[in-house]
């Protein structure tokens, strides 16, 4: 349950040491937040990645969508699909599965298609 907190702490230490975390570091931290249903932190990490001019990838978006889904924020989860496509990324099978699960939780599975 504390993995997300430890991951965020480690990320802060990176920055404190003047080390520049990369997309893999952020994705791992986002995934830790996702597993503990901390969707706000996951979305915040997407924002931080953008501000750091890192190129978000399918894993970045999928982990954030999953975090929102796990946190019962299905509308927020589904709203990330067009953002992902705007970023020039194609959702993969994992992304679609998570999006369908989000729509299902909200009783709006048609929106996820």
PDB file of N, CA and C in Angstrom:
ATOM      1  N   UNK A   1       0.791  -1.195   0.000  1.00  0.00           N
ATOM      2  CA  UNK A   1       0.000   0.000   0.000  1.00  0.00           C
ATOM      3  C   UNK A   1       0.838   1.266   0.000  1.00  0.00           C
ATOM      4  N   UNK A   2       2.102   1.172   0.441  1.00  0.00           N
ATOM      5  CA  UNK A   2       2.939   2.363   0.525  1.00  0.00           C
ATOM      6  C   UNK A   2       3.824   2.538  -0.706  1.00  0.00           C
ATOM      7  N   UNK A   3       3.713   1.660  -1.678  1.00  0.00           N
ATOM      8  CA  UNK A   3       4.573   1.733  -2.855  1.00  0.00           C
ATOM      9  C   UNK A   3       4.472   3.078  -3.558  1.00  0.00           C
ATOM     10  N   UNK A   4       3.269   3.599  -3.688  1.00  0.00           N
ATOM     11  CA  UNK A   4       3.100   4.865  -4.387  1.00  0.00           C
ATOM     12  C   UNK A   4       3.818   5.978  -3.647  1.00  0.00           C
ATOM     13  N   UNK A   5       3.750   5.953  -2.319  1.00  0.00           N
ATOM     14  CA  UNK A   5       4.390   6.992  -1.516  1.00  0.00           C
ATOM     15  C   UNK A   5       5.914   6.892  -1.663  1.00  0.00           C
ATOM     16  N   UNK A   6       6.439   5.674  -1.611  1.00  0.00           N
ATOM     17  CA  UNK A   6       7.877   5.467  -1.764  1.00  0.00           C
ATOM     18  C   UNK A   6       8.346   5.868  -3.162  1.00  0.00           C
ATOM     19  N   UNK A   7       7.534   5.560  -4.173  1.00  0.00           N
ATOM     20  CA  UNK A   7       7.897   5.917  -5.547  1.00  0.00           C
ATOM     21  C   UNK A   7       7.937   7.431  -5.721  1.00  0.00           C
ATOM     22  N   UNK A   8       6.939   8.133  -5.169  1.00  0.00           N
ATOM     23  CA  UNK A   8       6.934   9.598  -5.261  1.00  0.00           C
ATOM     24  C   UNK A   8       8.113  10.196  -4.495  1.00  0.00           C
ATOM     25  N   UNK A   9       8.444   9.616  -3.353  1.00  0.00           N
ATOM     26  CA  UNK A   9       9.575  10.077  -2.555  1.00  0.00           C
ATOM     27  C   UNK A   9      10.890   9.897  -3.312  1.00  0.00           C
ATOM     28  N   UNK A  10      11.041   8.754  -3.940  1.00  0.00           N
ATOM     29  CA  UNK A  10      12.249   8.495  -4.729  1.00  0.00           C
ATOM     30  C   UNK A  10      12.366   9.460  -5.900  1.00  0.00           C
ATOM     31  N   UNK A  11      11.250   9.740  -6.540  1.00  0.00           N
ATOM     32  CA  UNK A  11      11.233  10.695  -7.654  1.00  0.00           C
ATOM     33  C   UNK A  11      11.663  12.076  -7.165  1.00  0.00           C
ATOM     34  N   UNK A  12      11.186  12.473  -6.003  1.00  0.00           N
ATOM     35  CA  UNK A  12      11.578  13.769  -5.431  1.00  0.00           C
ATOM     36  C   UNK A  12      13.070  13.791  -5.116  1.00  0.00           C
ATOM     37  N   UNK A  13      13.603  12.671  -4.642  1.00  0.00           N
ATOM     38  CA  UNK A  13      15.039  12.591  -4.356  1.00  0.00           C
ATOM     39  C   UNK A  13      15.854  12.754  -5.634  1.00  0.00           C
ATOM     40  N   UNK A  14      15.392  12.169  -6.727  1.00  0.00           N
ATOM     41  CA  UNK A  14      16.062  12.324  -8.018  1.00  0.00           C
ATOM     42  C   UNK A  14      16.223  13.810  -8.330  1.00  0.00           C
ATOM     43  N   UNK A  15      15.109  14.515  -8.238  1.00  0.00           N
ATOM     44  CA  UNK A  15      15.124  15.938  -8.571  1.00  0.00           C
ATOM     45  C   UNK A  15      15.995  16.717  -7.602  1.00  0.00           C
ATOM     46  N   UNK A  16      15.984  16.317  -6.320  1.00  0.00           N
ATOM     47  CA  UNK A  16      16.806  16.982  -5.319  1.00  0.00           C
ATOM     48  C   UNK A  16      18.292  16.799  -5.552  1.00  0.00           C
ATOM     49  N   UNK A  17      18.662  15.719  -6.204  1.00  0.00           N
ATOM     50  CA  UNK A  17      20.058  15.434  -6.516  1.00  0.00           C
ATOM     51  C   UNK A  17      20.449  15.958  -7.897  1.00  0.00           C
ATOM     52  N   UNK A  18      19.582  16.754  -8.488  1.00  0.00           N
ATOM     53  CA  UNK A  18      19.781  17.307  -9.837  1.00  0.00           C
ATOM     54  C   UNK A  18      19.866  16.218 -10.906  1.00  0.00           C
ATOM     55  N   UNK A  19      19.259  15.072 -10.627  1.00  0.00           N
ATOM     56  CA  UNK A  19      19.145  14.023 -11.631  1.00  0.00           C
ATOM     57  C   UNK A  19      17.838  14.226 -12.368  1.00  0.00           C
ATOM     58  N   UNK A  20      17.841  13.990 -13.656  1.00  0.00           N
ATOM     59  CA  UNK A  20      16.637  14.193 -14.447  1.00  0.00           C
ATOM     60  C   UNK A  20      15.947  12.852 -14.692  1.00  0.00           C
ATOM     61  N   UNK A  21      14.817  12.628 -14.012  1.00  0.00           N
ATOM     62  CA  UNK A  21      14.083  11.383 -14.257  1.00  0.00           C
ATOM     63  C   UNK A  21      13.623  11.315 -15.716  1.00  0.00           C
ATOM     64  N   UNK A  22      13.603  10.111 -16.261  1.00  0.00           N
ATOM     65  CA  UNK A  22      13.144   9.943 -17.641  1.00  0.00           C
ATOM     66  C   UNK A  22      11.733   9.368 -17.660  1.00  0.00           C
ATOM     67  N   UNK A  23      11.237   9.104 -18.845  1.00  0.00           N
ATOM     68  CA  UNK A  23       9.863   8.622 -18.990  1.00  0.00           C
ATOM     69  C   UNK A  23       9.670   7.282 -18.279  1.00  0.00           C
ATOM     70  N   UNK A  24      10.687   6.446 -18.260  1.00  0.00           N
ATOM     71  CA  UNK A  24      10.581   5.142 -17.594  1.00  0.00           C
ATOM     72  C   UNK A  24      10.426   5.335 -16.082  1.00  0.00           C
ATOM     73  N   UNK A  25      11.183   6.263 -15.518  1.00  0.00           N
ATOM     74  CA  UNK A  25      11.079   6.556 -14.089  1.00  0.00           C
ATOM     75  C   UNK A  25       9.683   7.052 -13.745  1.00  0.00           C
ATOM     76  N   UNK A  26       9.181   7.985 -14.553  1.00  0.00           N
ATOM     77  CA  UNK A  26       7.834   8.515 -14.317  1.00  0.00           C
ATOM     78  C   UNK A  26       6.765   7.436 -14.516  1.00  0.00           C
ATOM     79  N   UNK A  27       6.929   6.600 -15.538  1.00  0.00           N
ATOM     80  CA  UNK A  27       5.949   5.540 -15.773  1.00  0.00           C
ATOM     81  C   UNK A  27       5.896   4.560 -14.605  1.00  0.00           C
ATOM     82  N   UNK A  28       7.051   4.220 -14.049  1.00  0.00           N
ATOM     83  CA  UNK A  28       7.085   3.311 -12.896  1.00  0.00           C
ATOM     84  C   UNK A  28       6.362   3.945 -11.711  1.00  0.00           C
ATOM     85  N   UNK A  29       6.567   5.237 -11.520  1.00  0.00           N
ATOM     86  CA  UNK A  29       5.909   5.940 -10.419  1.00  0.00           C
ATOM     87  C   UNK A  29       4.404   6.024 -10.663  1.00  0.00           C
ATOM     88  N   UNK A  30       4.014   6.292 -11.901  1.00  0.00           N
ATOM     89  CA  UNK A  30       2.592   6.340 -12.249  1.00  0.00           C
ATOM     90  C   UNK A  30       1.946   4.973 -12.025  1.00  0.00           C
ATOM     91  N   UNK A  31       2.647   3.920 -12.377  1.00  0.00           N
ATOM     92  CA  UNK A  31       2.125   2.567 -12.169  1.00  0.00           C
ATOM     93  C   UNK A  31       1.952   2.254 -10.689  1.00  0.00           C
ATOM     94  N   UNK A  32       2.869   2.740  -9.857  1.00  0.00           N
ATOM     95  CA  UNK A  32       2.726   2.540  -8.413  1.00  0.00           C
ATOM     96  C   UNK A  32       1.478   3.260  -7.905  1.00  0.00           C
ATOM     97  N   UNK A  33       1.254   4.469  -8.406  1.00  0.00           N
ATOM     98  CA  UNK A  33       0.042   5.211  -8.027  1.00  0.00           C
ATOM     99  C   UNK A  33      -1.212   4.483  -8.501  1.00  0.00           C
ATOM    100  N   UNK A  34      -1.140   3.933  -9.691  1.00  0.00           N
ATOM    101  CA  UNK A  34      -2.279   3.206 -10.275  1.00  0.00           C
ATOM    102  C   UNK A  34      -2.671   2.024  -9.411  1.00  0.00           C
ATOM    103  N   UNK A  35      -1.696   1.272  -8.948  1.00  0.00           N
ATOM    104  CA  UNK A  35      -1.984   0.077  -8.161  1.00  0.00           C
ATOM    105  C   UNK A  35      -2.624   0.406  -6.818  1.00  0.00           C
ATOM    106  N   UNK A  36      -2.399   1.603  -6.339  1.00  0.00           N
ATOM    107  CA  UNK A  36      -2.952   2.015  -5.037  1.00  0.00           C
ATOM    108  C   UNK A  36      -4.125   2.974  -5.188  1.00  0.00           C
ATOM    109  N   UNK A  37      -4.639   3.097  -6.403  1.00  0.00           N
ATOM    110  CA  UNK A  37      -5.826   3.912  -6.702  1.00  0.00           C
ATOM    111  C   UNK A  37      -5.632   5.404  -6.435  1.00  0.00           C
ATOM    112  N   UNK A  38      -4.414   5.877  -6.542  1.00  0.00           N
ATOM    113  CA  UNK A  38      -4.131   7.302  -6.352  1.00  0.00           C
ATOM    114  C   UNK A  38      -4.115   7.993  -7.710  1.00  0.00           C
ATOM    115  N   UNK A  39      -5.304   8.160  -8.246  1.00  0.00           N
ATOM    116  CA  UNK A  39      -5.458   8.693  -9.596  1.00  0.00           C
ATOM    117  C   UNK A  39      -5.021  10.143  -9.696  1.00  0.00           C
ATOM    118  N   UNK A  40      -5.225  10.941  -8.638  1.00  0.00           N
ATOM    119  CA  UNK A  40      -4.830  12.351  -8.707  1.00  0.00           C
ATOM    120  C   UNK A  40      -3.323  12.479  -8.893  1.00  0.00           C
ATOM    121  N   UNK A  41      -2.563  11.659  -8.158  1.00  0.00           N
ATOM    122  CA  UNK A  41      -1.113  11.694  -8.293  1.00  0.00           C
ATOM    123  C   UNK A  41      -0.685  11.227  -9.683  1.00  0.00           C
ATOM    124  N   UNK A  42      -1.364  10.210 -10.204  1.00  0.00           N
ATOM    125  CA  UNK A  42      -1.038   9.708 -11.544  1.00  0.00           C
ATOM    126  C   UNK A  42      -1.247  10.803 -12.587  1.00  0.00           C
ATOM    127  N   UNK A  43      -2.357  11.520 -12.489  1.00  0.00           N
ATOM    128  CA  UNK A  43      -2.612  12.615 -13.436  1.00  0.00           C
ATOM    129  C   UNK A  43      -1.605  13.741 -13.242  1.00  0.00           C
ATOM    130  N   UNK A  44      -1.247  13.993 -11.999  1.00  0.00           N
ATOM    131  CA  UNK A  44      -0.241  15.017 -11.718  1.00  0.00           C
ATOM    132  C   UNK A  44       1.097  14.680 -12.348  1.00  0.00           C
ATOM    133  N   UNK A  45       1.437  13.405 -12.341  1.00  0.00           N
ATOM    134  CA  UNK A  45       2.696  12.981 -12.956  1.00  0.00           C
ATOM    135  C   UNK A  45       2.678  13.194 -14.472  1.00  0.00           C
ATOM    136  N   UNK A  46       1.521  12.990 -15.112  1.00  0.00           N
ATOM    137  CA  UNK A  46       1.423  13.284 -16.550  1.00  0.00           C
ATOM    138  C   UNK A  46       1.719  14.759 -16.799  1.00  0.00           C
ATOM    139  N   UNK A  47       1.183  15.614 -15.956  1.00  0.00           N
ATOM    140  CA  UNK A  47       1.413  17.053 -16.089  1.00  0.00           C
ATOM    141  C   UNK A  47       2.887  17.382 -15.896  1.00  0.00           C
ATOM    142  N   UNK A  48       3.498  16.796 -14.881  1.00  0.00           N
ATOM    143  CA  UNK A  48       4.921  17.038 -14.618  1.00  0.00           C
ATOM    144  C   UNK A  48       5.765  16.573 -15.803  1.00  0.00           C
ATOM    145  N   UNK A  49       5.409  15.426 -16.371  1.00  0.00           N
ATOM    146  CA  UNK A  49       6.150  14.916 -17.531  1.00  0.00           C
ATOM    147  C   UNK A  49       6.061  15.885 -18.705  1.00  0.00           C
ATOM    148  N   UNK A  50       4.871  16.414 -18.936  1.00  0.00           N
ATOM    149  CA  UNK A  50       4.695  17.380 -20.024  1.00  0.00           C
ATOM    150  C   UNK A  50       5.529  18.636 -19.770  1.00  0.00           C
ATOM    151  N   UNK A  51       5.483  19.115 -18.523  1.00  0.00           N
ATOM    152  CA  UNK A  51       6.242  20.324 -18.176  1.00  0.00           C
ATOM    153  C   UNK A  51       7.749  20.106 -18.308  1.00  0.00           C
ATOM    154  N   UNK A  52       8.197  18.850 -18.114  1.00  0.00           N
ATOM    155  CA  UNK A  52       9.608  18.504 -18.262  1.00  0.00           C
ATOM    156  C   UNK A  52       9.966  18.211 -19.714  1.00  0.00           C
ATOM    157  N   UNK A  53       9.004  18.388 -20.608  1.00  0.00           N
ATOM    158  CA  UNK A  53       9.182  18.155 -22.055  1.00  0.00           C
ATOM    159  C   UNK A  53       9.589  16.718 -22.372  1.00  0.00           C
ATOM    160  N   UNK A  54       9.054  15.786 -21.566  1.00  0.00           N
ATOM    161  CA  UNK A  54       9.260  14.372 -21.856  1.00  0.00           C
ATOM    162  C   UNK A  54       8.154  13.904 -22.789  1.00  0.00           C
ATOM    163  N   UNK A  55       8.480  12.991 -23.664  1.00  0.00           N
ATOM    164  CA  UNK A  55       7.488  12.434 -24.572  1.00  0.00           C
ATOM    165  C   UNK A  55       6.747  11.312 -23.868  1.00  0.00           C
ATOM    166  N   UNK A  56       5.486  11.568 -23.588  1.00  0.00           N
ATOM    167  CA  UNK A  56       4.663  10.538 -22.967  1.00  0.00           C
ATOM    168  C   UNK A  56       4.466   9.407 -23.965  1.00  0.00           C
ATOM    169  N   UNK A  57       4.370   8.200 -23.458  1.00  0.00           N
ATOM    170  CA  UNK A  57       4.157   7.055 -24.333  1.00  0.00           C
ATOM    171  C   UNK A  57       2.859   6.336 -23.964  1.00  0.00           C
ATOM    172  N   UNK A  58       2.622   5.223 -24.611  1.00  0.00           N
ATOM    173  CA  UNK A  58       1.393   4.464 -24.378  1.00  0.00           C
ATOM    174  C   UNK A  58       1.325   4.000 -22.926  1.00  0.00           C
ATOM    175  N   UNK A  59       2.463   3.630 -22.361  1.00  0.00           N
ATOM    176  CA  UNK A  59       2.493   3.175 -20.968  1.00  0.00           C
ATOM    177  C   UNK A  59       2.091   4.313 -20.033  1.00  0.00           C
ATOM    178  N   UNK A  60       2.582   5.517 -20.297  1.00  0.00           N
ATOM    179  CA  UNK A  60       2.239   6.688 -19.472  1.00  0.00           C
ATOM    180  C   UNK A  60       0.732   6.875 -19.418  1.00  0.00           C
ATOM    181  N   UNK A  61       0.123   6.902 -20.582  1.00  0.00           N
ATOM    182  CA  UNK A  61      -1.319   7.121 -20.670  1.00  0.00           C
ATOM    183  C   UNK A  61      -2.113   5.946 -20.103  1.00  0.00           C
ATOM    184  N   UNK A  62      -1.703   4.734 -20.426  1.00  0.00           N
ATOM    185  CA  UNK A  62      -2.432   3.550 -19.965  1.00  0.00           C
ATOM    186  C   UNK A  62      -2.414   3.455 -18.446  1.00  0.00           C
ATOM    187  N   UNK A  63      -1.274   3.753 -17.827  1.00  0.00           N
ATOM    188  CA  UNK A  63      -1.183   3.704 -16.369  1.00  0.00           C
ATOM    189  C   UNK A  63      -2.087   4.763 -15.740  1.00  0.00           C
ATOM    190  N   UNK A  64      -2.138   5.949 -16.332  1.00  0.00           N
ATOM    191  CA  UNK A  64      -3.007   7.004 -15.805  1.00  0.00           C
ATOM    192  C   UNK A  64      -4.477   6.637 -15.987  1.00  0.00           C
ATOM    193  N   UNK A  65      -4.821   6.071 -17.137  1.00  0.00           N
ATOM    194  CA  UNK A  65      -6.206   5.632 -17.376  1.00  0.00           C
ATOM    195  C   UNK A  65      -6.584   4.560 -16.364  1.00  0.00           C
ATOM    196  N   UNK A  66      -5.676   3.626 -16.131  1.00  0.00           N
ATOM    197  CA  UNK A  66      -5.938   2.560 -15.169  1.00  0.00           C
ATOM    198  C   UNK A  66      -6.060   3.108 -13.749  1.00  0.00           C
ATOM    199  N   UNK A  67      -5.231   4.085 -13.399  1.00  0.00           N
ATOM    200  CA  UNK A  67      -5.313   4.693 -12.065  1.00  0.00           C
ATOM    201  C   UNK A  67      -6.676   5.350 -11.859  1.00  0.00           C
ATOM    202  N   UNK A  68      -7.146   6.061 -12.871  1.00  0.00           N
ATOM    203  CA  UNK A  68      -8.475   6.689 -12.780  1.00  0.00           C
ATOM    204  C   UNK A  68      -9.572   5.636 -12.673  1.00  0.00           C
ATOM    205  N   UNK A  69      -9.443   4.577 -13.445  1.00  0.00           N
ATOM    206  CA  UNK A  69     -10.423   3.491 -13.409  1.00  0.00           C
ATOM    207  C   UNK A  69     -10.451   2.851 -12.025  1.00  0.00           C
ATOM    208  N   UNK A  70      -9.283   2.548 -11.490  1.00  0.00           N
ATOM    209  CA  UNK A  70      -9.197   1.928 -10.162  1.00  0.00           C
ATOM    210  C   UNK A  70      -9.730   2.854  -9.079  1.00  0.00           C
ATOM    211  N   UNK A  71      -9.596   4.147  -9.299  1.00  0.00           N
ATOM    212  CA  UNK A  71     -10.081   5.127  -8.332  1.00  0.00           C
ATOM    213  C   UNK A  71     -11.533   5.521  -8.541  1.00  0.00           C
ATOM    214  N   UNK A  72     -12.237   4.753  -9.382  1.00  0.00           N
ATOM    215  CA  UNK A  72     -13.660   4.999  -9.666  1.00  0.00           C
ATOM    216  C   UNK A  72     -13.912   6.325 -10.391  1.00  0.00           C
ATOM    217  N   UNK A  73     -12.910   6.824 -11.074  1.00  0.00           N
ATOM    218  CA  UNK A  73     -13.032   8.062 -11.851  1.00  0.00           C
ATOM    219  C   UNK A  73     -13.114   7.703 -13.333  1.00  0.00           C
ATOM    220  N   UNK A  74     -14.187   6.986 -13.686  1.00  0.00           N
ATOM    221  CA  UNK A  74     -14.296   6.444 -15.038  1.00  0.00           C
ATOM    222  C   UNK A  74     -14.385   7.530 -16.099  1.00  0.00           C
ATOM    223  N   UNK A  75     -15.052   8.643 -15.808  1.00  0.00           N
ATOM    224  CA  UNK A  75     -15.151   9.715 -16.799  1.00  0.00           C
ATOM    225  C   UNK A  75     -13.782  10.320 -17.070  1.00  0.00           C
ATOM    226  N   UNK A  76     -13.007  10.514 -16.010  1.00  0.00           N
ATOM    227  CA  UNK A  76     -11.649  11.035 -16.165  1.00  0.00           C
ATOM    228  C   UNK A  76     -10.809  10.055 -16.977  1.00  0.00           C
ATOM    229  N   UNK A  77     -10.967   8.770 -16.693  1.00  0.00           N
ATOM    230  CA  UNK A  77     -10.225   7.740 -17.422  1.00  0.00           C
ATOM    231  C   UNK A  77     -10.525   7.816 -18.920  1.00  0.00           C
ATOM    232  N   UNK A  78     -11.801   7.878 -19.260  1.00  0.00           N
ATOM    233  CA  UNK A  78     -12.187   7.909 -20.679  1.00  0.00           C
ATOM    234  C   UNK A  78     -11.776   9.212 -21.356  1.00  0.00           C
ATOM    235  N   UNK A  79     -11.690  10.288 -20.593  1.00  0.00           N
ATOM    236  CA  UNK A  79     -11.287  11.571 -21.191  1.00  0.00           C
ATOM    237  C   UNK A  79      -9.822  11.572 -21.607  1.00  0.00           C
ATOM    238  N   UNK A  80      -9.050  10.623 -21.099  1.00  0.00           N
ATOM    239  CA  UNK A  80      -7.629  10.561 -21.461  1.00  0.00           C
ATOM    240  C   UNK A  80      -7.389   9.905 -22.821  1.00  0.00           C
ATOM    241  N   UNK A  81      -8.365   9.148 -23.321  1.00  0.00           N
ATOM    242  CA  UNK A  81      -8.180   8.510 -24.642  1.00  0.00           C
ATOM    243  C   UNK A  81      -7.969   9.527 -25.759  1.00  0.00           C
ATOM    244  N   UNK A  82      -8.815  10.563 -25.879  1.00  0.00           N
ATOM    245  CA  UNK A  82      -8.564  11.546 -26.941  1.00  0.00           C
ATOM    246  C   UNK A  82      -7.271  12.327 -26.732  1.00  0.00           C
ATOM    247  N   UNK A  83      -6.872  12.521 -25.480  1.00  0.00           N
ATOM    248  CA  UNK A  83      -5.606  13.209 -25.196  1.00  0.00           C
ATOM    249  C   UNK A  83      -4.444  12.373 -25.726  1.00  0.00           C
ATOM    250  N   UNK A  84      -4.536  11.096 -25.497  1.00  0.00           N
ATOM    251  CA  UNK A  84      -3.518  10.165 -25.972  1.00  0.00           C
ATOM    252  C   UNK A  84      -3.403  10.223 -27.497  1.00  0.00           C
ATOM    253  N   UNK A  85      -4.547  10.199 -28.150  1.00  0.00           N
ATOM    254  CA  UNK A  85      -4.553  10.249 -29.607  1.00  0.00           C
ATOM    255  C   UNK A  85      -4.058  11.604 -30.107  1.00  0.00           C
ATOM    256  N   UNK A  86      -4.367  12.671 -29.378  1.00  0.00           N
ATOM    257  CA  UNK A  86      -3.871  14.004 -29.733  1.00  0.00           C
ATOM    258  C   UNK A  86      -2.349  14.049 -29.641  1.00  0.00           C
ATOM    259  N   UNK A  87      -1.801  13.270 -28.710  1.00  0.00           N
ATOM    260  CA  UNK A  87      -0.350  13.174 -28.567  1.00  0.00           C
ATOM    261  C   UNK A  87       0.279  12.311 -29.666  1.00  0.00           C
ATOM    262  N   UNK A  88      -0.551  11.810 -30.576  1.00  0.00           N
ATOM    263  CA  UNK A  88      -0.042  11.008 -31.689  1.00  0.00           C
ATOM    264  C   UNK A  88       0.211   9.557 -31.335  1.00  0.00           C
ATOM    265  N   UNK A  89      -0.415   9.094 -30.262  1.00  0.00           N
ATOM    266  CA  UNK A  89      -0.209   7.714 -29.830  1.00  0.00           C
ATOM    267  C   UNK A  89      -1.440   6.875 -30.110  1.00  0.00           C
ATOM    268  N   UNK A  90      -1.193   5.642 -30.484  1.00  0.00           N
ATOM    269  CA  UNK A  90      -2.293   4.704 -30.724  1.00  0.00           C
ATOM    270  C   UNK A  90      -2.468   3.840 -29.485  1.00  0.00           C
ATOM    271  N   UNK A  91      -3.678   3.800 -28.953  1.00  0.00           N
ATOM    272  CA  UNK A  91      -3.925   2.910 -27.812  1.00  0.00           C
ATOM    273  C   UNK A  91      -3.631   1.466 -28.203  1.00  0.00           C
ATOM    274  N   UNK A  92      -3.118   0.698 -27.248  1.00  0.00           N
ATOM    275  CA  UNK A  92      -2.875  -0.720 -27.502  1.00  0.00           C
ATOM    276  C   UNK A  92      -3.955  -1.553 -26.808  1.00  0.00           C
ATOM    277  N   UNK A  93      -3.797  -2.862 -26.833  1.00  0.00           N
ATOM    278  CA  UNK A  93      -4.808  -3.755 -26.249  1.00  0.00           C
ATOM    279  C   UNK A  93      -4.999  -3.484 -24.765  1.00  0.00           C
ATOM    280  N   UNK A  94      -3.918  -3.204 -24.059  1.00  0.00           N
ATOM    281  CA  UNK A  94      -4.021  -2.916 -22.620  1.00  0.00           C
ATOM    282  C   UNK A  94      -4.826  -1.640 -22.406  1.00  0.00           C
ATOM    283  N   UNK A  95      -4.534  -0.619 -23.186  1.00  0.00           N
ATOM    284  CA  UNK A  95      -5.252   0.652 -23.062  1.00  0.00           C
ATOM    285  C   UNK A  95      -6.736   0.450 -23.301  1.00  0.00           C
ATOM    286  N   UNK A  96      -7.080  -0.274 -24.357  1.00  0.00           N
ATOM    287  CA  UNK A  96      -8.495  -0.511 -24.666  1.00  0.00           C
ATOM    288  C   UNK A  96      -9.176  -1.329 -23.564  1.00  0.00           C
ATOM    289  N   UNK A  97      -8.491  -2.326 -23.038  1.00  0.00           N
ATOM    290  CA  UNK A  97      -9.077  -3.133 -21.967  1.00  0.00           C
ATOM    291  C   UNK A  97      -9.378  -2.287 -20.732  1.00  0.00           C
ATOM    292  N   UNK A  98      -8.442  -1.418 -20.384  1.00  0.00           N
ATOM    293  CA  UNK A  98      -8.637  -0.548 -19.225  1.00  0.00           C
ATOM    294  C   UNK A  98      -9.764   0.445 -19.497  1.00  0.00           C
ATOM    295  N   UNK A  99      -9.819   0.979 -20.715  1.00  0.00           N
ATOM    296  CA  UNK A  99     -10.881   1.931 -21.072  1.00  0.00           C
ATOM    297  C   UNK A  99     -12.249   1.254 -21.041  1.00  0.00           C
ATOM    298  N   UNK A 100     -12.324   0.038 -21.525  1.00  0.00           N
ATOM    299  CA  UNK A 100     -13.592  -0.700 -21.486  1.00  0.00           C
ATOM    300  C   UNK A 100     -14.002  -0.961 -20.045  1.00  0.00           C
ATOM    301  N   UNK A 101     -13.033  -1.305 -19.205  1.00  0.00           N
ATOM    302  CA  UNK A 101     -13.329  -1.521 -17.782  1.00  0.00           C
ATOM    303  C   UNK A 101     -13.832  -0.233 -17.129  1.00  0.00           C
ATOM    304  N   UNK A 102     -13.238   0.912 -17.532  1.00  0.00           N
ATOM    305  CA  UNK A 102     -13.684   2.208 -16.996  1.00  0.00           C
ATOM    306  C   UNK A 102     -15.131   2.477 -17.394  1.00  0.00           C
ATOM    307  N   UNK A 103     -15.421   2.274 -18.676  1.00  0.00           N
ATOM    308  CA  UNK A 103     -16.791   2.490 -19.145  1.00  0.00           C
ATOM    309  C   UNK A 103     -17.774   1.548 -18.482  1.00  0.00           C
ATOM    310  N   UNK A 104     -17.351   0.336 -18.270  1.00  0.00           N
ATOM    311  CA  UNK A 104     -18.203  -0.659 -17.621  1.00  0.00           C
ATOM    312  C   UNK A 104     -18.517  -0.239 -16.178  1.00  0.00           C
ATOM    313  N   UNK A 105     -17.502   0.265 -15.481  1.00  0.00           N
ATOM    314  CA  UNK A 105     -17.713   0.712 -14.089  1.00  0.00           C
ATOM    315  C   UNK A 105     -18.717   1.852 -14.028  1.00  0.00           C
ATOM    316  N   UNK A 106     -18.704   2.694 -15.046  1.00  0.00           N
ATOM    317  CA  UNK A 106     -19.630   3.831 -15.067  1.00  0.00           C
ATOM    318  C   UNK A 106     -20.943   3.515 -15.763  1.00  0.00           C
ATOM    319  N   UNK A 107     -21.089   2.267 -16.201  1.00  0.00           N
ATOM    320  CA  UNK A 107     -22.306   1.890 -16.917  1.00  0.00           C
ATOM    321  C   UNK A 107     -22.366   2.508 -18.302  1.00  0.00           C
ATOM    322  N   UNK A 108     -21.224   2.932 -18.810  1.00  0.00           N
ATOM    323  CA  UNK A 108     -21.149   3.613 -20.105  1.00  0.00           C
ATOM    324  C   UNK A 108     -20.110   2.942 -20.994  1.00  0.00           C
ATOM    325  N   UNK A 109     -20.159   1.633 -21.100  1.00  0.00           N
ATOM    326  CA  UNK A 109     -19.136   0.935 -21.849  1.00  0.00           C
ATOM    327  C   UNK A 109     -19.082   1.359 -23.313  1.00  0.00           C
ATOM    328  N   UNK A 110     -20.226   1.843 -23.871  1.00  0.00           N
ATOM    329  CA  UNK A 110     -20.244   2.278 -25.268  1.00  0.00           C
ATOM    330  C   UNK A 110     -19.300   3.447 -25.493  1.00  0.00           C
ATOM    331  N   UNK A 111     -19.136   4.317 -24.482  1.00  0.00           N
ATOM    332  CA  UNK A 111     -18.266   5.479 -24.614  1.00  0.00           C
ATOM    333  C   UNK A 111     -16.809   5.075 -24.755  1.00  0.00           C
ATOM    334  N   UNK A 112     -16.455   3.912 -24.259  1.00  0.00           N
ATOM    335  CA  UNK A 112     -15.072   3.480 -24.296  1.00  0.00           C
ATOM    336  C   UNK A 112     -14.676   2.897 -25.635  1.00  0.00           C
ATOM    337  N   UNK A 113     -15.650   2.704 -26.530  1.00  0.00           N
ATOM    338  CA  UNK A 113     -15.335   2.101 -27.833  1.00  0.00           C
ATOM    339  C   UNK A 113     -14.959   3.137 -28.868  1.00  0.00           C
TER     340      UNK A 113
END
